Amino acid sequence: IDPKAYLRLANGEVAKIPAKLFDGKTTREIELTSADFCLVGAD
């Protein structure tokens, strides 16, 4: 994930950001939202 893109998501400037995912077998381009990240409690 591009850290600049993550910060745009964190600051509410965009609703989705691009990323490249590798699952051990294949790579693919995906889009991520805030729901994809591990947030706990007041995070």
Full PDB file with SEQRES, HELIX, SHEET, SSBOND, CRYST1, ORIGX, SCALE, CONECT and MASTER records, all heavy atoms in Angstrom:
SEQRES   1 A   43  ILE ASP PRO LYS ALA TYR LEU ARG LEU ALA ASN GLY GLU          
SEQRES   2 A   43  VAL ALA LYS ILE PRO ALA LYS LEU PHE ASP GLY LYS THR          
SEQRES   3 A   43  THR ARG GLU ILE GLU LEU THR SER ALA ASP PHE CYS LEU          
SEQRES   4 A   43  VAL GLY ALA ASP                                              
HELIX    1 AA1 PRO A    3  ALA A   10  1                                   8    
HELIX    2 AA2 SER A   34  ASP A   36  5                                   3    
SHEET    1 AA1 2 ILE A  17  PHE A  22  0                                        
SHEET    2 AA1 2 THR A  27  LEU A  32 -1                                        
CRYST1    1.000    1.000    1.000  90.00  90.00  90.00 P 1           1          
ORIGX1      1.000000  0.000000  0.000000        0.00000                         
ORIGX2      0.000000  1.000000  0.000000        0.00000                         
ORIGX3      0.000000  0.000000  1.000000        0.00000                         
SCALE1      1.000000  0.000000  0.000000        0.00000                         
SCALE2      0.000000  1.000000  0.000000        0.00000                         
SCALE3      0.000000  0.000000  1.000000        0.00000                         
ATOM      1  N   ILE A   1       0.840  -1.198   0.000  1.00  0.00           N  
ATOM      2  CA  ILE A   1       0.000   0.000   0.000  1.00  0.00           C  
ATOM      3  C   ILE A   1       0.872   1.244   0.000  1.00  0.00           C  
ATOM      4  O   ILE A   1       1.818   1.357   0.800  1.00  0.00           O  
ATOM      5  CB  ILE A   1      -0.918   0.016   1.238  1.00  0.00           C  
ATOM      6  CG1 ILE A   1      -1.811  -1.230   1.247  1.00  0.00           C  
ATOM      7  CG2 ILE A   1      -1.758   1.289   1.278  1.00  0.00           C  
ATOM      8  CD1 ILE A   1      -2.614  -1.390   2.536  1.00  0.00           C  
ATOM      9  N   ASP A   2       0.555   2.195  -0.860  1.00  0.00           N  
ATOM     10  CA  ASP A   2       1.239   3.482  -0.877  1.00  0.00           C  
ATOM     11  C   ASP A   2       0.863   4.236   0.405  1.00  0.00           C  
ATOM     12  O   ASP A   2      -0.329   4.473   0.653  1.00  0.00           O  
ATOM     13  CB  ASP A   2       0.789   4.279  -2.105  1.00  0.00           C  
ATOM     14  CG  ASP A   2       1.477   5.629  -2.235  1.00  0.00           C  
ATOM     15  OD1 ASP A   2       2.058   6.126  -1.245  1.00  0.00           O  
ATOM     16  OD2 ASP A   2       1.415   6.208  -3.329  1.00  0.00           O  
ATOM     17  N   PRO A   3       1.842   4.614   1.240  1.00  0.00           N  
ATOM     18  CA  PRO A   3       1.495   5.310   2.492  1.00  0.00           C  
ATOM     19  C   PRO A   3       0.770   6.627   2.260  1.00  0.00           C  
ATOM     20  O   PRO A   3      -0.058   7.030   3.087  1.00  0.00           O  
ATOM     21  CB  PRO A   3       2.854   5.509   3.179  1.00  0.00           C  
ATOM     22  CG  PRO A   3       3.875   5.334   2.118  1.00  0.00           C  
ATOM     23  CD  PRO A   3       3.290   4.377   1.128  1.00  0.00           C  
ATOM     24  N   LYS A   4       1.042   7.297   1.150  1.00  0.00           N  
ATOM     25  CA  LYS A   4       0.322   8.537   0.847  1.00  0.00           C  
ATOM     26  C   LYS A   4      -1.148   8.242   0.605  1.00  0.00           C  
ATOM     27  O   LYS A   4      -2.025   9.003   1.043  1.00  0.00           O  
ATOM     28  CB  LYS A   4       0.937   9.226  -0.375  1.00  0.00           C  
ATOM     29  CG  LYS A   4       2.339   9.764  -0.156  1.00  0.00           C  
ATOM     30  CD  LYS A   4       2.863  10.432  -1.419  1.00  0.00           C  
ATOM     31  CE  LYS A   4       4.284  10.961  -1.214  1.00  0.00           C  
ATOM     32  NZ  LYS A   4       4.829  11.564  -2.460  1.00  0.00           N  
ATOM     33  N   ALA A   5      -1.437   7.147  -0.102  1.00  0.00           N  
ATOM     34  CA  ALA A   5      -2.825   6.763  -0.344  1.00  0.00           C  
ATOM     35  C   ALA A   5      -3.516   6.400   0.965  1.00  0.00           C  
ATOM     36  O   ALA A   5      -4.677   6.764   1.193  1.00  0.00           O  
ATOM     37  CB  ALA A   5      -2.881   5.591  -1.322  1.00  0.00           C  
ATOM     38  N   TYR A   6      -2.798   5.663   1.840  1.00  0.00           N  
ATOM     39  CA  TYR A   6      -3.391   5.309   3.130  1.00  0.00           C  
ATOM     40  C   TYR A   6      -3.773   6.568   3.905  1.00  0.00           C  
ATOM     41  O   TYR A   6      -4.853   6.631   4.506  1.00  0.00           O  
ATOM     42  CB  TYR A   6      -2.432   4.457   3.958  1.00  0.00           C  
ATOM     43  CG  TYR A   6      -3.031   4.059   5.288  1.00  0.00           C  
ATOM     44  CD1 TYR A   6      -3.744   2.879   5.424  1.00  0.00           C  
ATOM     45  CD2 TYR A   6      -2.936   4.896   6.406  1.00  0.00           C  
ATOM     46  CE1 TYR A   6      -4.338   2.529   6.628  1.00  0.00           C  
ATOM     47  CE2 TYR A   6      -3.522   4.561   7.614  1.00  0.00           C  
ATOM     48  CZ  TYR A   6      -4.222   3.375   7.721  1.00  0.00           C  
ATOM     49  OH  TYR A   6      -4.825   3.048   8.923  1.00  0.00           O  
ATOM     50  N   LEU A   7      -2.913   7.558   3.902  1.00  0.00           N  
ATOM     51  CA  LEU A   7      -3.204   8.784   4.637  1.00  0.00           C  
ATOM     52  C   LEU A   7      -4.415   9.508   4.050  1.00  0.00           C  
ATOM     53  O   LEU A   7      -5.205  10.105   4.797  1.00  0.00           O  
ATOM     54  CB  LEU A   7      -1.983   9.698   4.643  1.00  0.00           C  
ATOM     55  CG  LEU A   7      -0.851   9.228   5.563  1.00  0.00           C  
ATOM     56  CD1 LEU A   7       0.425  10.020   5.294  1.00  0.00           C  
ATOM     57  CD2 LEU A   7      -1.247   9.356   7.028  1.00  0.00           C  
ATOM     58  N   ARG A   8      -4.591   9.456   2.742  1.00  0.00           N  
ATOM     59  CA  ARG A   8      -5.792  10.059   2.139  1.00  0.00           C  
ATOM     60  C   ARG A   8      -7.047   9.336   2.623  1.00  0.00           C  
ATOM     61  O   ARG A   8      -8.074   9.973   2.902  1.00  0.00           O  
ATOM     62  CB  ARG A   8      -5.699  10.030   0.617  1.00  0.00           C  
ATOM     63  CG  ARG A   8      -4.681  11.016   0.043  1.00  0.00           C  
ATOM     64  CD  ARG A   8      -4.865  11.221  -1.454  1.00  0.00           C  
ATOM     65  NE  ARG A   8      -4.519  10.024  -2.222  1.00  0.00           N  
ATOM     66  CZ  ARG A   8      -3.307   9.761  -2.666  1.00  0.00           C  
ATOM     67  NH1 ARG A   8      -2.318  10.606  -2.435  1.00  0.00           N  
ATOM     68  NH2 ARG A   8      -3.084   8.657  -3.369  1.00  0.00           N  
ATOM     69  N   LEU A   9      -6.965   8.014   2.736  1.00  0.00           N  
ATOM     70  CA  LEU A   9      -8.097   7.244   3.266  1.00  0.00           C  
ATOM     71  C   LEU A   9      -8.327   7.589   4.728  1.00  0.00           C  
ATOM     72  O   LEU A   9      -9.471   7.823   5.164  1.00  0.00           O  
ATOM     73  CB  LEU A   9      -7.818   5.751   3.113  1.00  0.00           C  
ATOM     74  CG  LEU A   9      -8.914   4.793   3.597  1.00  0.00           C  
ATOM     75  CD1 LEU A   9     -10.149   4.915   2.714  1.00  0.00           C  
ATOM     76  CD2 LEU A   9      -8.407   3.343   3.599  1.00  0.00           C  
ATOM     77  N   ALA A  10      -7.255   7.647   5.508  1.00  0.00           N  
ATOM     78  CA  ALA A  10      -7.365   7.936   6.940  1.00  0.00           C  
ATOM     79  C   ALA A  10      -7.933   9.329   7.195  1.00  0.00           C  
ATOM     80  O   ALA A  10      -8.640   9.551   8.192  1.00  0.00           O  
ATOM     81  CB  ALA A  10      -6.004   7.799   7.604  1.00  0.00           C  
ATOM     82  N   ASN A  11      -7.623  10.258   6.319  1.00  0.00           N  
ATOM     83  CA  ASN A  11      -8.093  11.640   6.487  1.00  0.00           C  
ATOM     84  C   ASN A  11      -9.463  11.883   5.876  1.00  0.00           C  
ATOM     85  O   ASN A  11      -9.962  13.008   5.881  1.00  0.00           O  
ATOM     86  CB  ASN A  11      -7.074  12.612   5.875  1.00  0.00           C  
ATOM     87  CG  ASN A  11      -5.776  12.652   6.655  1.00  0.00           C  
ATOM     88  OD1 ASN A  11      -5.759  12.423   7.867  1.00  0.00           O  
ATOM     89  ND2 ASN A  11      -4.670  12.932   5.973  1.00  0.00           N  
ATOM     90  N   GLY A  12     -10.089  10.849   5.331  1.00  0.00           N  
ATOM     91  CA  GLY A  12     -11.425  10.972   4.775  1.00  0.00           C  
ATOM     92  C   GLY A  12     -11.484  11.613   3.408  1.00  0.00           C  
ATOM     93  O   GLY A  12     -12.572  11.992   2.948  1.00  0.00           O  
ATOM     94  N   GLU A  13     -10.355  11.716   2.726  1.00  0.00           N  
ATOM     95  CA  GLU A  13     -10.331  12.352   1.408  1.00  0.00           C  
ATOM     96  C   GLU A  13     -10.864  11.427   0.322  1.00  0.00           C  
ATOM     97  O   GLU A  13     -11.375  11.892  -0.703  1.00  0.00           O  
ATOM     98  CB  GLU A  13      -8.908  12.784   1.062  1.00  0.00           C  
ATOM     99  CG  GLU A  13      -8.325  13.817   2.024  1.00  0.00           C  
ATOM    100  CD  GLU A  13      -6.857  14.086   1.752  1.00  0.00           C  
ATOM    101  OE1 GLU A  13      -6.420  13.884   0.602  1.00  0.00           O  
ATOM    102  OE2 GLU A  13      -6.148  14.480   2.696  1.00  0.00           O  
ATOM    103  N   VAL A  14     -10.718  10.115   0.525  1.00  0.00           N  
ATOM    104  CA  VAL A  14     -11.223   9.116  -0.425  1.00  0.00           C  
ATOM    105  C   VAL A  14     -11.869   7.994   0.357  1.00  0.00           C  
ATOM    106  O   VAL A  14     -11.609   7.811   1.555  1.00  0.00           O  
ATOM    107  CB  VAL A  14     -10.085   8.555  -1.313  1.00  0.00           C  
ATOM    108  CG1 VAL A  14      -9.492   9.641  -2.203  1.00  0.00           C  
ATOM    109  CG2 VAL A  14      -8.991   7.902  -0.456  1.00  0.00           C  
ATOM    110  N   ALA A  15     -12.715   7.210  -0.320  1.00  0.00           N  
ATOM    111  CA  ALA A  15     -13.387   6.084   0.334  1.00  0.00           C  
ATOM    112  C   ALA A  15     -12.691   4.759   0.052  1.00  0.00           C  
ATOM    113  O   ALA A  15     -12.888   3.789   0.785  1.00  0.00           O  
ATOM    114  CB  ALA A  15     -14.837   5.999  -0.131  1.00  0.00           C  
ATOM    115  N   LYS A  16     -11.878   4.728  -1.002  1.00  0.00           N  
ATOM    116  CA  LYS A  16     -11.173   3.511  -1.377  1.00  0.00           C  
ATOM    117  C   LYS A  16      -9.766   3.857  -1.837  1.00  0.00           C  
ATOM    118  O   LYS A  16      -9.530   4.953  -2.357  1.00  0.00           O  
ATOM    119  CB  LYS A  16     -11.897   2.777  -2.511  1.00  0.00           C  
ATOM    120  CG  LYS A  16     -13.280   2.268  -2.164  1.00  0.00           C  
ATOM    121  CD  LYS A  16     -13.907   1.567  -3.368  1.00  0.00           C  
ATOM    122  CE  LYS A  16     -15.298   1.045  -3.036  1.00  0.00           C  
ATOM    123  NZ  LYS A  16     -15.907   0.343  -4.206  1.00  0.00           N  
ATOM    124  N   ILE A  17      -8.845   2.904  -1.654  1.00  0.00           N  
ATOM    125  CA  ILE A  17      -7.481   3.087  -2.153  1.00  0.00           C  
ATOM    126  C   ILE A  17      -7.019   1.799  -2.840  1.00  0.00           C  
ATOM    127  O   ILE A  17      -7.464   0.711  -2.474  1.00  0.00           O  
ATOM    128  CB  ILE A  17      -6.481   3.463  -1.032  1.00  0.00           C  
ATOM    129  CG1 ILE A  17      -6.463   2.401   0.075  1.00  0.00           C  
ATOM    130  CG2 ILE A  17      -6.790   4.846  -0.488  1.00  0.00           C  
ATOM    131  CD1 ILE A  17      -5.383   2.620   1.120  1.00  0.00           C  
ATOM    132  N   PRO A  18      -6.109   1.915  -3.818  1.00  0.00           N  
ATOM    133  CA  PRO A  18      -5.610   0.714  -4.494  1.00  0.00           C  
ATOM    134  C   PRO A  18      -4.517   0.038  -3.679  1.00  0.00           C  
ATOM    135  O   PRO A  18      -3.831   0.663  -2.870  1.00  0.00           O  
ATOM    136  CB  PRO A  18      -5.052   1.272  -5.808  1.00  0.00           C  
ATOM    137  CG  PRO A  18      -4.590   2.654  -5.442  1.00  0.00           C  
ATOM    138  CD  PRO A  18      -5.585   3.157  -4.420  1.00  0.00           C  
ATOM    139  N   ALA A  19      -4.346  -1.249  -3.911  1.00  0.00           N  
ATOM    140  CA  ALA A  19      -3.270  -2.021  -3.282  1.00  0.00           C  
ATOM    141  C   ALA A  19      -2.979  -3.235  -4.153  1.00  0.00           C  
ATOM    142  O   ALA A  19      -3.806  -3.630  -4.986  1.00  0.00           O  
ATOM    143  CB  ALA A  19      -3.664  -2.462  -1.882  1.00  0.00           C  
ATOM    144  N   LYS A  20      -1.808  -3.813  -3.960  1.00  0.00           N  
ATOM    145  CA  LYS A  20      -1.476  -5.073  -4.622  1.00  0.00           C  
ATOM    146  C   LYS A  20      -1.450  -6.160  -3.564  1.00  0.00           C  
ATOM    147  O   LYS A  20      -0.744  -6.047  -2.564  1.00  0.00           O  
ATOM    148  CB  LYS A  20      -0.126  -5.000  -5.331  1.00  0.00           C  
ATOM    149  CG  LYS A  20       0.275  -6.318  -6.003  1.00  0.00           C  
ATOM    150  CD  LYS A  20       1.570  -6.193  -6.790  1.00  0.00           C  
ATOM    151  CE  LYS A  20       1.323  -5.505  -8.111  1.00  0.00           C  
ATOM    152  NZ  LYS A  20       2.532  -5.549  -8.983  1.00  0.00           N  
ATOM    153  N   LEU A  21      -2.218  -7.213  -3.780  1.00  0.00           N  
ATOM    154  CA  LEU A  21      -2.337  -8.321  -2.824  1.00  0.00           C  
ATOM    155  C   LEU A  21      -1.633  -9.557  -3.373  1.00  0.00           C  
ATOM    156  O   LEU A  21      -1.794  -9.920  -4.536  1.00  0.00           O  
ATOM    157  CB  LEU A  21      -3.806  -8.646  -2.570  1.00  0.00           C  
ATOM    158  CG  LEU A  21      -4.059  -9.701  -1.491  1.00  0.00           C  
ATOM    159  CD1 LEU A  21      -4.012  -9.062  -0.107  1.00  0.00           C  
ATOM    160  CD2 LEU A  21      -5.418 -10.386  -1.708  1.00  0.00           C  
ATOM    161  N   PHE A  22      -0.855 -10.220  -2.506  1.00  0.00           N  
ATOM    162  CA  PHE A  22      -0.260 -11.514  -2.832  1.00  0.00           C  
ATOM    163  C   PHE A  22      -0.708 -12.511  -1.780  1.00  0.00           C  
ATOM    164  O   PHE A  22      -0.482 -12.315  -0.580  1.00  0.00           O  
ATOM    165  CB  PHE A  22       1.263 -11.420  -2.855  1.00  0.00           C  
ATOM    166  CG  PHE A  22       1.954 -12.736  -3.054  1.00  0.00           C  
ATOM    167  CD1 PHE A  22       1.711 -13.492  -4.194  1.00  0.00           C  
ATOM    168  CD2 PHE A  22       2.827 -13.238  -2.095  1.00  0.00           C  
ATOM    169  CE1 PHE A  22       2.338 -14.725  -4.383  1.00  0.00           C  
ATOM    170  CE2 PHE A  22       3.461 -14.464  -2.280  1.00  0.00           C  
ATOM    171  CZ  PHE A  22       3.211 -15.207  -3.428  1.00  0.00           C  
ATOM    172  N   ASP A  23      -1.331 -13.595  -2.218  1.00  0.00           N  
ATOM    173  CA  ASP A  23      -1.901 -14.572  -1.284  1.00  0.00           C  
ATOM    174  C   ASP A  23      -1.077 -15.859  -1.178  1.00  0.00           C  
ATOM    175  O   ASP A  23      -1.564 -16.877  -0.687  1.00  0.00           O  
ATOM    176  CB  ASP A  23      -3.339 -14.907  -1.668  1.00  0.00           C  
ATOM    177  CG  ASP A  23      -3.454 -15.585  -3.030  1.00  0.00           C  
ATOM    178  OD1 ASP A  23      -2.404 -15.896  -3.648  1.00  0.00           O  
ATOM    179  OD2 ASP A  23      -4.593 -15.805  -3.486  1.00  0.00           O  
ATOM    180  N   GLY A  24       0.176 -15.800  -1.620  1.00  0.00           N  
ATOM    181  CA  GLY A  24       1.026 -16.977  -1.595  1.00  0.00           C  
ATOM    182  C   GLY A  24       1.047 -17.721  -2.909  1.00  0.00           C  
ATOM    183  O   GLY A  24       1.941 -18.542  -3.148  1.00  0.00           O  
ATOM    184  N   LYS A  25       0.077 -17.413  -3.784  1.00  0.00           N  
ATOM    185  CA  LYS A  25      -0.002 -18.071  -5.090  1.00  0.00           C  
ATOM    186  C   LYS A  25      -0.076 -17.056  -6.222  1.00  0.00           C  
ATOM    187  O   LYS A  25       0.642 -17.168  -7.215  1.00  0.00           O  
ATOM    188  CB  LYS A  25      -1.216 -19.013  -5.136  1.00  0.00           C  
ATOM    189  CG  LYS A  25      -1.143 -20.171  -4.151  1.00  0.00           C  
ATOM    190  CD  LYS A  25      -2.376 -21.052  -4.245  1.00  0.00           C  
ATOM    191  CE  LYS A  25      -2.297 -22.208  -3.256  1.00  0.00           C  
ATOM    192  NZ  LYS A  25      -3.518 -23.066  -3.323  1.00  0.00           N  
ATOM    193  N   THR A  26      -0.959 -16.090  -6.089  1.00  0.00           N  
ATOM    194  CA  THR A  26      -1.161 -15.122  -7.164  1.00  0.00           C  
ATOM    195  C   THR A  26      -1.155 -13.703  -6.606  1.00  0.00           C  
ATOM    196  O   THR A  26      -1.410 -13.477  -5.413  1.00  0.00           O  
ATOM    197  CB  THR A  26      -2.497 -15.364  -7.890  1.00  0.00           C  
ATOM    198  OG1 THR A  26      -3.582 -15.225  -6.940  1.00  0.00           O  
ATOM    199  CG2 THR A  26      -2.540 -16.744  -8.507  1.00  0.00           C  
ATOM    200  N   THR A  27      -0.870 -12.754  -7.481  1.00  0.00           N  
ATOM    201  CA  THR A  27      -0.974 -11.335  -7.132  1.00  0.00           C  
ATOM    202  C   THR A  27      -2.121 -10.717  -7.920  1.00  0.00           C  
ATOM    203  O   THR A  27      -2.408 -11.136  -9.054  1.00  0.00           O  
ATOM    204  CB  THR A  27       0.328 -10.575  -7.444  1.00  0.00           C  
ATOM    205  OG1 THR A  27       0.619 -10.693  -8.841  1.00  0.00           O  
ATOM    206  CG2 THR A  27       1.489 -11.102  -6.630  1.00  0.00           C  
ATOM    207  N   ARG A  28      -2.770  -9.757  -7.305  1.00  0.00           N  
ATOM    208  CA  ARG A  28      -3.829  -9.055  -8.018  1.00  0.00           C  
ATOM    209  C   ARG A  28      -3.995  -7.660  -7.443  1.00  0.00           C  
ATOM    210  O   ARG A  28      -3.671  -7.407  -6.277  1.00  0.00           O  
ATOM    211  CB  ARG A  28      -5.150  -9.815  -7.949  1.00  0.00           C  
ATOM    212  CG  ARG A  28      -5.758  -9.946  -6.572  1.00  0.00           C  
ATOM    213  CD  ARG A  28      -7.033 -10.778  -6.629  1.00  0.00           C  
ATOM    214  NE  ARG A  28      -7.772 -10.785  -5.382  1.00  0.00           N  
ATOM    215  CZ  ARG A  28      -7.548 -11.618  -4.387  1.00  0.00           C  
ATOM    216  NH1 ARG A  28      -6.575 -12.508  -4.473  1.00  0.00           N  
ATOM    217  NH2 ARG A  28      -8.280 -11.553  -3.286  1.00  0.00           N  
ATOM    218  N   GLU A  29      -4.497  -6.758  -8.271  1.00  0.00           N  
ATOM    219  CA  GLU A  29      -4.793  -5.402  -7.833  1.00  0.00           C  
ATOM    220  C   GLU A  29      -6.163  -5.395  -7.167  1.00  0.00           C  
ATOM    221  O   GLU A  29      -7.125  -5.982  -7.686  1.00  0.00           O  
ATOM    222  CB  GLU A  29      -4.772  -4.435  -9.019  1.00  0.00           C  
ATOM    223  CG  GLU A  29      -3.433  -4.351  -9.739  1.00  0.00           C  
ATOM    224  CD  GLU A  29      -2.333  -3.759  -8.869  1.00  0.00           C  
ATOM    225  OE1 GLU A  29      -2.645  -2.952  -7.973  1.00  0.00           O  
ATOM    226  OE2 GLU A  29      -1.159  -4.104  -9.095  1.00  0.00           O  
ATOM    227  N   ILE A  30      -6.257  -4.749  -6.015  1.00  0.00           N  
ATOM    228  CA  ILE A  30      -7.514  -4.696  -5.277  1.00  0.00           C  
ATOM    229  C   ILE A  30      -7.771  -3.264  -4.821  1.00  0.00           C  
ATOM    230  O   ILE A  30      -6.914  -2.390  -4.943  1.00  0.00           O  
ATOM    231  CB  ILE A  30      -7.495  -5.620  -4.045  1.00  0.00           C  
ATOM    232  CG1 ILE A  30      -6.373  -5.210  -3.074  1.00  0.00           C  
ATOM    233  CG2 ILE A  30      -7.350  -7.084  -4.472  1.00  0.00           C  
ATOM    234  CD1 ILE A  30      -6.416  -5.943  -1.745  1.00  0.00           C  
ATOM    235  N   GLU A  31      -8.965  -3.031  -4.305  1.00  0.00           N  
ATOM    236  CA  GLU A  31      -9.304  -1.767  -3.661  1.00  0.00           C  
ATOM    237  C   GLU A  31      -9.649  -2.037  -2.207  1.00  0.00           C  
ATOM    238  O   GLU A  31     -10.291  -3.048  -1.882  1.00  0.00           O  
ATOM    239  CB  GLU A  31     -10.481  -1.088  -4.364  1.00  0.00           C  
ATOM    240  CG  GLU A  31     -10.116  -0.498  -5.716  1.00  0.00           C  
ATOM    241  CD  GLU A  31     -11.247   0.363  -6.268  1.00  0.00           C  
ATOM    242  OE1 GLU A  31     -12.434  -0.013  -6.085  1.00  0.00           O  
ATOM    243  OE2 GLU A  31     -10.950   1.409  -6.869  1.00  0.00           O  
ATOM    244  N   LEU A  32      -9.214  -1.140  -1.335  1.00  0.00           N  
ATOM    245  CA  LEU A  32      -9.415  -1.297   0.098  1.00  0.00           C  
ATOM    246  C   LEU A  32     -10.243  -0.149   0.657  1.00  0.00           C  
ATOM    247  O   LEU A  32     -10.124   0.997   0.200  1.00  0.00           O  
ATOM    248  CB  LEU A  32      -8.068  -1.331   0.814  1.00  0.00           C  
ATOM    249  CG  LEU A  32      -7.101  -2.446   0.416  1.00  0.00           C  
ATOM    250  CD1 LEU A  32      -5.741  -2.200   1.049  1.00  0.00           C  
ATOM    251  CD2 LEU A  32      -7.645  -3.810   0.815  1.00  0.00           C  
ATOM    252  N   THR A  33     -11.052  -0.462   1.668  1.00  0.00           N  
ATOM    253  CA  THR A  33     -11.775   0.557   2.424  1.00  0.00           C  
ATOM    254  C   THR A  33     -11.337   0.476   3.883  1.00  0.00           C  
ATOM    255  O   THR A  33     -10.567  -0.414   4.267  1.00  0.00           O  
ATOM    256  CB  THR A  33     -13.300   0.342   2.339  1.00  0.00           C  
ATOM    257  OG1 THR A  33     -13.643  -0.837   3.092  1.00  0.00           O  
ATOM    258  CG2 THR A  33     -13.753   0.164   0.892  1.00  0.00           C  
ATOM    259  N   SER A  34     -11.842   1.354   4.693  1.00  0.00           N  
ATOM    260  CA  SER A  34     -11.479   1.350   6.115  1.00  0.00           C  
ATOM    261  C   SER A  34     -11.835   0.034   6.783  1.00  0.00           C  
ATOM    262  O   SER A  34     -11.177  -0.386   7.745  1.00  0.00           O  
ATOM    263  CB  SER A  34     -12.162   2.514   6.836  1.00  0.00           C  
ATOM    264  OG  SER A  34     -13.572   2.414   6.717  1.00  0.00           O  
ATOM    265  N   ALA A  35     -12.849  -0.654   6.285  1.00  0.00           N  
ATOM    266  CA  ALA A  35     -13.298  -1.907   6.890  1.00  0.00           C  
ATOM    267  C   ALA A  35     -12.286  -3.035   6.723  1.00  0.00           C  
ATOM    268  O   ALA A  35     -12.382  -4.059   7.408  1.00  0.00           O  
ATOM    269  CB  ALA A  35     -14.639  -2.329   6.292  1.00  0.00           C  
ATOM    270  N   ASP A  36     -11.308  -2.863   5.845  1.00  0.00           N  
ATOM    271  CA  ASP A  36     -10.328  -3.914   5.599  1.00  0.00           C  
ATOM    272  C   ASP A  36      -9.180  -3.926   6.612  1.00  0.00           C  
ATOM    273  O   ASP A  36      -8.382  -4.869   6.631  1.00  0.00           O  
ATOM    274  CB  ASP A  36      -9.741  -3.772   4.189  1.00  0.00           C  
ATOM    275  CG  ASP A  36     -10.757  -4.080   3.107  1.00  0.00           C  
ATOM    276  OD1 ASP A  36     -11.305  -5.197   3.124  1.00  0.00           O  
ATOM    277  OD2 ASP A  36     -11.007  -3.203   2.258  1.00  0.00           O  
ATOM    278  N   PHE A  37      -9.089  -2.900   7.456  1.00  0.00           N  
ATOM    279  CA  PHE A  37      -7.960  -2.787   8.375  1.00  0.00           C  
ATOM    280  C   PHE A  37      -8.352  -3.198   9.794  1.00  0.00           C  
ATOM    281  O   PHE A  37      -9.504  -3.057  10.203  1.00  0.00           O  
ATOM    282  CB  PHE A  37      -7.427  -1.358   8.371  1.00  0.00           C  
ATOM    283  CG  PHE A  37      -6.827  -0.974   7.051  1.00  0.00           C  
ATOM    284  CD1 PHE A  37      -7.618  -0.423   6.047  1.00  0.00           C  
ATOM    285  CD2 PHE A  37      -5.481  -1.194   6.785  1.00  0.00           C  
ATOM    286  CE1 PHE A  37      -7.077  -0.094   4.808  1.00  0.00           C  
ATOM    287  CE2 PHE A  37      -4.929  -0.857   5.555  1.00  0.00           C  
ATOM    288  CZ  PHE A  37      -5.732  -0.310   4.562  1.00  0.00           C  
ATOM    289  N   CYS A  38      -7.380  -3.718  10.527  1.00  0.00           N  
ATOM    290  CA  CYS A  38      -7.608  -4.185  11.897  1.00  0.00           C  
ATOM    291  C   CYS A  38      -7.661  -2.993  12.845  1.00  0.00           C  
ATOM    292  O   CYS A  38      -6.631  -2.429  13.210  1.00  0.00           O  
ATOM    293  CB  CYS A  38      -6.489  -5.142  12.301  1.00  0.00           C  
ATOM    294  SG  CYS A  38      -6.697  -5.850  13.943  1.00  0.00           S  
ATOM    295  N   LEU A  39      -8.859  -2.626  13.235  1.00  0.00           N  
ATOM    296  CA  LEU A  39      -9.075  -1.533  14.179  1.00  0.00           C  
ATOM    297  C   LEU A  39      -9.806  -2.093  15.390  1.00  0.00           C  
ATOM    298  O   LEU A  39     -10.778  -2.841  15.253  1.00  0.00           O  
ATOM    299  CB  LEU A  39      -9.901  -0.411  13.549  1.00  0.00           C  
ATOM    300  CG  LEU A  39      -9.353   0.201  12.263  1.00  0.00           C  
ATOM    301  CD1 LEU A  39     -10.304   1.269  11.747  1.00  0.00           C  
ATOM    302  CD2 LEU A  39      -7.960   0.790  12.478  1.00  0.00           C  
ATOM    303  N   VAL A  40      -9.351  -1.745  16.579  1.00  0.00           N  
ATOM    304  CA  VAL A  40      -9.920  -2.281  17.817  1.00  0.00           C  
ATOM    305  C   VAL A  40     -10.279  -1.127  18.751  1.00  0.00           C  
ATOM    306  O   VAL A  40      -9.494  -0.186  18.921  1.00  0.00           O  
ATOM    307  CB  VAL A  40      -8.924  -3.228  18.524  1.00  0.00           C  
ATOM    308  CG1 VAL A  40      -9.526  -3.774  19.811  1.00  0.00           C  
ATOM    309  CG2 VAL A  40      -8.521  -4.372  17.596  1.00  0.00           C  
ATOM    310  N   GLY A  41     -11.438  -1.228  19.368  1.00  0.00           N  
ATOM    311  CA  GLY A  41     -11.834  -0.222  20.357  1.00  0.00           C  
ATOM    312  C   GLY A  41     -11.904   1.177  19.771  1.00  0.00           C  
ATOM    313  O   GLY A  41     -12.618   1.424  18.799  1.00  0.00           O  
ATOM    314  N   ALA A  42     -11.128   2.088  20.348  1.00  0.00           N  
ATOM    315  CA  ALA A  42     -11.157   3.485  19.929  1.00  0.00           C  
ATOM    316  C   ALA A  42     -10.207   3.780  18.764  1.00  0.00           C  
ATOM    317  O   ALA A  42     -10.023   4.939  18.385  1.00  0.00           O  
ATOM    318  CB  ALA A  42     -10.802   4.391  21.113  1.00  0.00           C  
ATOM    319  N   ASP A  43      -9.614   2.747  18.177  1.00  0.00           N  
ATOM    320  CA  ASP A  43      -8.698   2.957  17.051  1.00  0.00           C  
ATOM    321  C   ASP A  43      -9.379   3.700  15.911  1.00  0.00           C  
ATOM    322  O   ASP A  43     -10.554   3.453  15.601  1.00  0.00           O  
ATOM    323  CB  ASP A  43      -8.206   1.616  16.492  1.00  0.00           C  
ATOM    324  CG  ASP A  43      -7.176   0.930  17.369  1.00  0.00           C  
ATOM    325  OD1 ASP A  43      -6.573   1.600  18.220  1.00  0.00           O  
ATOM    326  OD2 ASP A  43      -6.976  -0.288  17.184  1.00  0.00           O  
TER     327      ASP A  43                                                      
MASTER        0    0    0    2    2    0    0    6  326    1    0    4          
END                                                                             
